[in-house]
Amino acid sequence: MSAPKAVAAKVAAKPAGKARHKAAVPAKRPPAKLSSAKPASAKPASAKPVPAKVAAPPNDDASTTAKTLAADIDRALSQGQTDLLSEEAIQALMAAACRSYSAKVEADGGFPPLAERSRVTSTDVMVTASGLLKSANLAVFELGMWQSWTGR
């Protein structure tokens, strides 16, 4: 007997009092079976082909790209070029870095967000931390309270 038929038989076999109570809850449908056949594409033949996925682990490609971008930014700053990235690009990178760091710490435990021999100065950290707190509408007091509650 199939699973849906077995469930239907059990429901039908229950006393009227229990069946009446369960009747208010909609029955779950079995998952739809997916067909392996794909419909014909309506796109013209001149459409760009989708690049094939590389078989490398998913973190390797993104990590390599991030390291390359970080090196490019560092090189530009060393040459005095402060306008390499637009404000929107910096905001997107900062948001992604914050979320990525937070998720990694929550999943695997804490680690310093900056390497030991980083070129980041204390002033860089203070300016960035201040900007992050202001962007999230948080005060230093709230950060201190959160740190005392969580031990972080």
N, C-alpha and C. Protein backbone atom coordinates (compact mmCIF):
# COMPACT_ATOMS: atom_id res chain seq x y z
N MET A 1 0.85 -1.17 0.00
CA MET A 1 0.00 0.00 0.00
C MET A 1 0.90 1.23 0.00
N SER A 2 0.59 2.24 -0.82
CA SER A 2 1.41 3.45 -0.89
C SER A 2 1.24 4.27 0.38
N ALA A 3 2.20 5.17 0.63
CA ALA A 3 2.18 5.99 1.84
C ALA A 3 0.92 6.84 1.94
N PRO A 4 0.48 7.53 0.87
CA PRO A 4 -0.74 8.33 0.98
C PRO A 4 -1.97 7.48 1.28
N LYS A 5 -2.04 6.28 0.69
CA LYS A 5 -3.18 5.41 0.94
C LYS A 5 -3.16 4.89 2.36
N ALA A 6 -1.96 4.60 2.91
CA ALA A 6 -1.85 4.13 4.28
C ALA A 6 -2.30 5.21 5.26
N VAL A 7 -1.93 6.46 5.01
CA VAL A 7 -2.35 7.57 5.87
C VAL A 7 -3.86 7.73 5.79
N ALA A 8 -4.41 7.66 4.59
CA ALA A 8 -5.87 7.79 4.42
C ALA A 8 -6.59 6.67 5.15
N ALA A 9 -6.05 5.47 5.12
CA ALA A 9 -6.69 4.35 5.81
C ALA A 9 -6.65 4.55 7.32
N LYS A 10 -5.56 5.07 7.86
CA LYS A 10 -5.46 5.33 9.30
C LYS A 10 -6.46 6.39 9.72
N VAL A 11 -6.60 7.47 8.94
CA VAL A 11 -7.53 8.54 9.29
C VAL A 11 -8.95 8.01 9.26
N ALA A 12 -9.28 7.20 8.28
CA ALA A 12 -10.63 6.66 8.15
C ALA A 12 -10.94 5.70 9.29
N ALA A 13 -9.93 5.04 9.86
CA ALA A 13 -10.14 4.06 10.91
C ALA A 13 -10.27 4.68 12.29
N LYS A 14 -9.95 5.98 12.48
CA LYS A 14 -10.02 6.63 13.79
C LYS A 14 -11.47 6.86 14.17
N PRO A 15 -11.73 6.93 15.49
CA PRO A 15 -13.09 7.22 15.96
C PRO A 15 -13.54 8.60 15.50
N ALA A 16 -14.84 8.82 15.48
CA ALA A 16 -15.41 10.06 14.96
C ALA A 16 -14.92 11.28 15.71
N GLY A 17 -14.77 11.20 17.04
CA GLY A 17 -14.33 12.35 17.84
C GLY A 17 -12.95 12.83 17.42
N LYS A 18 -12.03 11.93 17.23
CA LYS A 18 -10.67 12.32 16.84
C LYS A 18 -10.63 12.78 15.39
N ALA A 19 -11.38 12.14 14.54
CA ALA A 19 -11.38 12.52 13.13
C ALA A 19 -11.95 13.92 12.95
N ARG A 20 -12.98 14.27 13.77
CA ARG A 20 -13.59 15.58 13.66
C ARG A 20 -12.55 16.65 14.03
N HIS A 21 -11.75 16.39 15.08
CA HIS A 21 -10.73 17.33 15.52
C HIS A 21 -9.64 17.48 14.46
N LYS A 22 -9.23 16.41 13.85
CA LYS A 22 -8.18 16.44 12.84
C LYS A 22 -8.66 17.02 11.52
N ALA A 23 -9.97 17.05 11.30
CA ALA A 23 -10.49 17.52 10.02
C ALA A 23 -10.18 18.99 9.78
N ALA A 24 -9.99 19.78 10.84
CA ALA A 24 -9.70 21.20 10.68
C ALA A 24 -8.30 21.44 10.13
N VAL A 25 -7.42 20.46 10.28
CA VAL A 25 -6.06 20.60 9.80
C VAL A 25 -6.00 20.06 8.37
N PRO A 26 -5.56 20.88 7.42
CA PRO A 26 -5.50 20.39 6.04
C PRO A 26 -4.48 19.26 5.90
N ALA A 27 -4.83 18.30 5.08
CA ALA A 27 -3.95 17.15 4.85
C ALA A 27 -2.75 17.59 4.02
N LYS A 28 -1.60 16.99 4.30
CA LYS A 28 -0.40 17.29 3.53
C LYS A 28 -0.42 16.52 2.23
N ARG A 29 0.00 17.17 1.19
CA ARG A 29 0.10 16.50 -0.10
C ARG A 29 1.47 15.86 -0.21
N PRO A 30 1.53 14.72 -0.86
CA PRO A 30 2.86 14.12 -1.09
C PRO A 30 3.65 15.02 -2.04
N PRO A 31 4.96 15.05 -1.90
CA PRO A 31 5.76 15.90 -2.80
C PRO A 31 5.58 15.49 -4.25
N ALA A 32 5.56 16.50 -5.10
CA ALA A 32 5.40 16.24 -6.53
C ALA A 32 6.64 15.55 -7.07
N LYS A 33 6.44 14.64 -7.96
CA LYS A 33 7.56 13.95 -8.59
C LYS A 33 8.13 14.84 -9.67
N LEU A 34 9.43 14.95 -9.67
CA LEU A 34 10.11 15.77 -10.66
C LEU A 34 10.45 14.93 -11.87
N SER A 35 10.18 15.48 -13.00
CA SER A 35 10.50 14.80 -14.25
C SER A 35 11.92 15.15 -14.65
N SER A 36 12.64 14.18 -15.13
CA SER A 36 14.00 14.45 -15.56
C SER A 36 14.04 15.07 -16.96
N ALA A 37 12.91 15.02 -17.65
CA ALA A 37 12.86 15.60 -18.99
C ALA A 37 12.76 17.11 -18.86
N LYS A 38 13.51 17.85 -19.66
CA LYS A 38 13.49 19.30 -19.63
C LYS A 38 12.72 19.79 -20.85
N PRO A 39 11.89 20.85 -20.64
CA PRO A 39 11.18 21.39 -21.80
C PRO A 39 12.15 22.07 -22.75
N ALA A 40 11.74 22.17 -23.99
CA ALA A 40 12.58 22.81 -25.00
C ALA A 40 12.76 24.27 -24.64
N SER A 41 13.94 24.82 -24.84
CA SER A 41 14.25 26.20 -24.50
C SER A 41 13.60 27.14 -25.51
N ALA A 42 13.01 28.21 -24.99
CA ALA A 42 12.39 29.20 -25.86
C ALA A 42 13.39 30.28 -26.24
N LYS A 43 14.61 30.22 -25.73
CA LYS A 43 15.62 31.23 -26.02
C LYS A 43 16.17 31.03 -27.43
N PRO A 44 16.53 32.13 -28.07
CA PRO A 44 17.13 32.00 -29.40
C PRO A 44 18.51 31.35 -29.31
N ALA A 45 18.97 30.82 -30.40
CA ALA A 45 20.25 30.12 -30.45
C ALA A 45 21.42 31.04 -30.15
N SER A 46 21.24 32.37 -30.28
CA SER A 46 22.33 33.30 -30.06
C SER A 46 22.53 33.65 -28.58
N ALA A 47 21.73 33.07 -27.68
CA ALA A 47 21.87 33.36 -26.25
C ALA A 47 23.24 32.89 -25.76
N LYS A 48 23.80 33.65 -24.80
CA LYS A 48 25.12 33.31 -24.28
C LYS A 48 25.05 32.00 -23.50
N PRO A 49 26.04 31.13 -23.66
CA PRO A 49 26.03 29.87 -22.91
C PRO A 49 26.35 30.13 -21.44
N VAL A 50 25.79 29.32 -20.57
CA VAL A 50 26.05 29.43 -19.14
C VAL A 50 27.38 28.75 -18.86
N PRO A 51 28.30 29.44 -18.15
CA PRO A 51 29.60 28.82 -17.88
C PRO A 51 29.44 27.60 -16.97
N ALA A 52 30.27 26.60 -17.23
CA ALA A 52 30.21 25.37 -16.44
C ALA A 52 30.77 25.63 -15.06
N LYS A 53 30.23 24.96 -14.06
CA LYS A 53 30.71 25.08 -12.68
C LYS A 53 32.03 24.34 -12.55
N VAL A 54 32.95 24.94 -11.82
CA VAL A 54 34.24 24.31 -11.56
C VAL A 54 34.05 23.31 -10.42
N ALA A 55 34.73 22.20 -10.48
CA ALA A 55 34.56 21.14 -9.49
C ALA A 55 35.33 21.40 -8.20
N ALA A 56 35.92 22.59 -8.04
CA ALA A 56 36.66 22.93 -6.82
C ALA A 56 35.68 23.15 -5.67
N PRO A 57 36.14 22.99 -4.44
CA PRO A 57 35.27 23.27 -3.29
C PRO A 57 34.76 24.70 -3.36
N PRO A 58 33.53 24.96 -2.89
CA PRO A 58 32.92 26.28 -3.06
C PRO A 58 33.69 27.41 -2.40
N ASN A 59 34.39 27.18 -1.30
CA ASN A 59 35.10 28.24 -0.60
C ASN A 59 36.37 28.65 -1.32
N ASP A 60 37.00 27.76 -2.06
CA ASP A 60 38.27 28.06 -2.70
C ASP A 60 38.15 29.21 -3.69
N ASP A 61 37.15 29.18 -4.54
CA ASP A 61 36.99 30.21 -5.57
C ASP A 61 36.70 31.56 -4.94
N ALA A 62 35.76 31.62 -4.00
CA ALA A 62 35.41 32.89 -3.36
C ALA A 62 36.58 33.40 -2.52
N SER A 63 37.27 32.51 -1.83
CA SER A 63 38.41 32.93 -1.01
C SER A 63 39.54 33.49 -1.89
N THR A 64 39.81 32.84 -3.00
CA THR A 64 40.84 33.32 -3.92
C THR A 64 40.47 34.68 -4.48
N THR A 65 39.22 34.84 -4.87
CA THR A 65 38.76 36.11 -5.40
C THR A 65 38.86 37.21 -4.34
N ALA A 66 38.46 36.89 -3.10
CA ALA A 66 38.52 37.87 -2.01
C ALA A 66 39.97 38.28 -1.72
N LYS A 67 40.88 37.31 -1.71
CA LYS A 67 42.29 37.63 -1.46
C LYS A 67 42.88 38.49 -2.57
N THR A 68 42.50 38.20 -3.80
CA THR A 68 42.98 39.00 -4.94
C THR A 68 42.46 40.43 -4.84
N LEU A 69 41.18 40.57 -4.52
CA LEU A 69 40.58 41.90 -4.37
C LEU A 69 41.25 42.65 -3.22
N ALA A 70 41.48 41.98 -2.09
CA ALA A 70 42.13 42.62 -0.95
C ALA A 70 43.53 43.10 -1.33
N ALA A 71 44.27 42.31 -2.07
CA ALA A 71 45.61 42.70 -2.51
C ALA A 71 45.54 43.91 -3.45
N ASP A 72 44.57 43.92 -4.36
CA ASP A 72 44.40 45.05 -5.27
C ASP A 72 44.08 46.33 -4.50
N ILE A 73 43.21 46.23 -3.52
CA ILE A 73 42.84 47.40 -2.71
C ILE A 73 44.05 47.89 -1.92
N ASP A 74 44.77 46.97 -1.29
CA ASP A 74 45.95 47.33 -0.50
C ASP A 74 47.01 48.01 -1.37
N ARG A 75 47.21 47.48 -2.57
CA ARG A 75 48.19 48.05 -3.50
C ARG A 75 47.79 49.48 -3.89
N ALA A 76 46.51 49.67 -4.18
CA ALA A 76 46.02 51.01 -4.56
C ALA A 76 46.18 51.99 -3.40
N LEU A 77 45.86 51.56 -2.19
CA LEU A 77 46.00 52.45 -1.03
C LEU A 77 47.47 52.79 -0.78
N SER A 78 48.35 51.83 -1.00
CA SER A 78 49.79 52.08 -0.84
C SER A 78 50.28 53.14 -1.81
N GLN A 79 49.63 53.23 -2.96
CA GLN A 79 49.99 54.22 -3.97
C GLN A 79 49.22 55.53 -3.80
N GLY A 80 48.45 55.63 -2.71
CA GLY A 80 47.70 56.86 -2.44
C GLY A 80 46.38 56.96 -3.16
N GLN A 81 45.94 55.91 -3.81
CA GLN A 81 44.68 55.92 -4.56
C GLN A 81 43.55 55.51 -3.62
N THR A 82 42.76 56.50 -3.17
CA THR A 82 41.67 56.21 -2.22
C THR A 82 40.32 56.06 -2.90
N ASP A 83 40.27 56.29 -4.19
CA ASP A 83 38.99 56.21 -4.90
C ASP A 83 38.86 54.95 -5.77
N LEU A 84 39.59 53.90 -5.43
CA LEU A 84 39.54 52.67 -6.22
C LEU A 84 38.12 52.09 -6.22
N LEU A 85 37.47 52.10 -5.05
CA LEU A 85 36.12 51.54 -4.91
C LEU A 85 35.11 52.65 -4.67
N SER A 86 33.92 52.48 -5.20
CA SER A 86 32.84 53.43 -4.94
C SER A 86 32.31 53.21 -3.52
N GLU A 87 31.56 54.18 -3.02
CA GLU A 87 30.96 54.03 -1.69
C GLU A 87 30.06 52.80 -1.63
N GLU A 88 29.30 52.57 -2.70
CA GLU A 88 28.39 51.42 -2.75
C GLU A 88 29.17 50.11 -2.71
N ALA A 89 30.31 50.07 -3.39
CA ALA A 89 31.13 48.85 -3.40
C ALA A 89 31.72 48.58 -2.01
N ILE A 90 32.18 49.65 -1.35
CA ILE A 90 32.72 49.49 0.01
C ILE A 90 31.62 49.00 0.96
N GLN A 91 30.42 49.57 0.83
CA GLN A 91 29.31 49.15 1.69
C GLN A 91 28.95 47.69 1.45
N ALA A 92 28.94 47.28 0.20
CA ALA A 92 28.62 45.88 -0.11
C ALA A 92 29.68 44.94 0.45
N LEU A 93 30.95 45.31 0.29
CA LEU A 93 32.03 44.47 0.82
C LEU A 93 32.02 44.43 2.34
N MET A 94 31.78 45.57 2.97
CA MET A 94 31.75 45.63 4.43
C MET A 94 30.60 44.78 4.97
N ALA A 95 29.44 44.87 4.35
CA ALA A 95 28.30 44.06 4.79
C ALA A 95 28.59 42.58 4.62
N ALA A 96 29.16 42.20 3.50
CA ALA A 96 29.47 40.79 3.26
C ALA A 96 30.54 40.29 4.24
N ALA A 97 31.55 41.12 4.50
CA ALA A 97 32.61 40.73 5.43
C ALA A 97 32.05 40.59 6.85
N CYS A 98 31.21 41.53 7.27
CA CYS A 98 30.61 41.45 8.61
C CYS A 98 29.76 40.19 8.77
N ARG A 99 28.91 39.93 7.80
CA ARG A 99 28.04 38.76 7.89
C ARG A 99 28.84 37.47 7.83
N SER A 100 29.86 37.44 6.97
CA SER A 100 30.68 36.24 6.83
C SER A 100 31.45 35.97 8.12
N TYR A 101 32.06 37.01 8.69
CA TYR A 101 32.82 36.84 9.93
C TYR A 101 31.90 36.38 11.06
N SER A 102 30.75 37.02 11.19
CA SER A 102 29.81 36.66 12.25
C SER A 102 29.34 35.22 12.11
N ALA A 103 29.01 34.81 10.89
CA ALA A 103 28.55 33.43 10.66
C ALA A 103 29.65 32.42 10.97
N LYS A 104 30.87 32.74 10.58
CA LYS A 104 32.01 31.83 10.83
C LYS A 104 32.28 31.70 12.33
N VAL A 105 32.21 32.80 13.07
CA VAL A 105 32.42 32.76 14.51
C VAL A 105 31.32 31.96 15.20
N GLU A 106 30.07 32.17 14.77
CA GLU A 106 28.95 31.43 15.36
C GLU A 106 29.07 29.93 15.08
N ALA A 107 29.53 29.58 13.89
CA ALA A 107 29.61 28.17 13.50
C ALA A 107 30.84 27.46 14.05
N ASP A 108 32.01 28.13 14.01
CA ASP A 108 33.26 27.45 14.31
C ASP A 108 34.00 27.98 15.54
N GLY A 109 33.49 29.01 16.16
CA GLY A 109 34.21 29.61 17.29
C GLY A 109 34.97 30.84 16.85
N GLY A 110 35.48 31.57 17.83
CA GLY A 110 36.11 32.84 17.54
C GLY A 110 37.51 32.73 16.98
N PHE A 111 37.85 33.70 16.19
CA PHE A 111 39.21 33.89 15.67
C PHE A 111 39.35 35.37 15.38
N PRO A 112 40.57 35.90 15.45
CA PRO A 112 40.74 37.34 15.21
C PRO A 112 40.39 37.69 13.76
N PRO A 113 39.63 38.77 13.55
CA PRO A 113 39.25 39.14 12.19
C PRO A 113 40.41 39.70 11.37
N LEU A 114 41.49 40.10 12.04
CA LEU A 114 42.67 40.61 11.33
C LEU A 114 43.86 39.71 11.62
N ALA A 115 44.68 39.49 10.61
CA ALA A 115 45.89 38.69 10.78
C ALA A 115 46.85 39.41 11.72
N GLU A 116 47.72 38.66 12.37
CA GLU A 116 48.64 39.24 13.35
C GLU A 116 49.52 40.34 12.76
N ARG A 117 50.00 40.13 11.59
CA ARG A 117 50.89 41.12 10.95
C ARG A 117 50.14 41.94 9.89
N SER A 118 48.93 42.30 10.19
CA SER A 118 48.12 43.06 9.27
C SER A 118 48.63 44.50 9.16
N ARG A 119 48.40 45.10 8.02
CA ARG A 119 48.79 46.50 7.81
C ARG A 119 47.74 47.45 8.35
N VAL A 120 46.69 46.93 8.95
CA VAL A 120 45.62 47.77 9.49
C VAL A 120 46.12 48.43 10.78
N THR A 121 45.95 49.76 10.86
CA THR A 121 46.40 50.50 12.04
C THR A 121 45.29 50.57 13.09
N SER A 122 45.65 51.00 14.28
CA SER A 122 44.66 51.19 15.35
C SER A 122 43.63 52.23 14.92
N THR A 123 44.08 53.26 14.23
CA THR A 123 43.16 54.29 13.74
C THR A 123 42.19 53.70 12.73
N ASP A 124 42.69 52.85 11.83
CA ASP A 124 41.80 52.18 10.87
C ASP A 124 40.71 51.41 11.59
N VAL A 125 41.10 50.68 12.64
CA VAL A 125 40.14 49.87 13.39
C VAL A 125 39.12 50.77 14.07
N MET A 126 39.58 51.86 14.71
CA MET A 126 38.67 52.77 15.42
C MET A 126 37.69 53.46 14.46
N VAL A 127 38.18 53.91 13.34
CA VAL A 127 37.32 54.57 12.36
C VAL A 127 36.27 53.58 11.84
N THR A 128 36.71 52.36 11.52
CA THR A 128 35.79 51.35 10.99
C THR A 128 34.78 50.92 12.05
N ALA A 129 35.25 50.65 13.27
CA ALA A 129 34.34 50.23 14.34
C ALA A 129 33.32 51.31 14.64
N SER A 130 33.77 52.55 14.68
CA SER A 130 32.86 53.67 14.92
C SER A 130 31.81 53.78 13.82
N GLY A 131 32.26 53.64 12.58
CA GLY A 131 31.33 53.70 11.45
C GLY A 131 30.34 52.55 11.46
N LEU A 132 30.81 51.35 11.81
CA LEU A 132 29.91 50.20 11.88
C LEU A 132 28.85 50.39 12.96
N LEU A 133 29.28 50.85 14.13
CA LEU A 133 28.32 51.08 15.22
C LEU A 133 27.29 52.13 14.83
N LYS A 134 27.75 53.21 14.20
CA LYS A 134 26.84 54.27 13.78
C LYS A 134 25.86 53.76 12.72
N SER A 135 26.36 52.97 11.77
CA SER A 135 25.50 52.42 10.71
C SER A 135 24.42 51.51 11.26
N ALA A 136 24.74 50.79 12.34
CA ALA A 136 23.77 49.87 12.95
C ALA A 136 22.97 50.54 14.06
N ASN A 137 23.16 51.87 14.22
CA ASN A 137 22.46 52.63 15.25
C ASN A 137 22.74 52.07 16.64
N LEU A 138 24.01 51.77 16.91
CA LEU A 138 24.43 51.24 18.21
C LEU A 138 25.41 52.21 18.86
N ALA A 139 25.43 52.21 20.19
CA ALA A 139 26.38 53.02 20.94
C ALA A 139 27.46 52.12 21.51
N VAL A 140 28.59 52.71 21.87
CA VAL A 140 29.68 51.94 22.46
C VAL A 140 29.20 51.27 23.75
N PHE A 141 28.32 51.94 24.50
CA PHE A 141 27.77 51.36 25.72
C PHE A 141 27.06 50.04 25.42
N GLU A 142 26.28 50.01 24.35
CA GLU A 142 25.56 48.78 23.98
C GLU A 142 26.53 47.67 23.60
N LEU A 143 27.61 48.03 22.94
CA LEU A 143 28.63 47.04 22.61
C LEU A 143 29.25 46.48 23.89
N GLY A 144 29.56 47.36 24.84
CA GLY A 144 30.12 46.91 26.12
C GLY A 144 29.17 46.00 26.87
N MET A 145 27.90 46.33 26.89
CA MET A 145 26.90 45.48 27.56
C MET A 145 26.81 44.12 26.88
N TRP A 146 26.77 44.11 25.56
CA TRP A 146 26.68 42.86 24.82
C TRP A 146 27.91 41.99 25.09
N GLN A 147 29.09 42.62 25.12
CA GLN A 147 30.32 41.88 25.40
C GLN A 147 30.30 41.28 26.80
N SER A 148 29.79 42.01 27.78
CA SER A 148 29.75 41.47 29.14
C SER A 148 28.73 40.34 29.26
N TRP A 149 27.64 40.41 28.53
CA TRP A 149 26.63 39.35 28.58
C TRP A 149 27.09 38.08 27.86
N THR A 150 27.78 38.25 26.74
CA THR A 150 28.15 37.09 25.92
C THR A 150 29.56 36.59 26.18
N GLY A 151 30.38 37.40 26.84
CA GLY A 151 31.77 37.01 27.08
C GLY A 151 32.64 37.11 25.83
N ARG A 152 32.21 37.84 24.84
CA ARG A 152 32.98 37.99 23.59
C ARG A 152 33.74 39.28 23.58
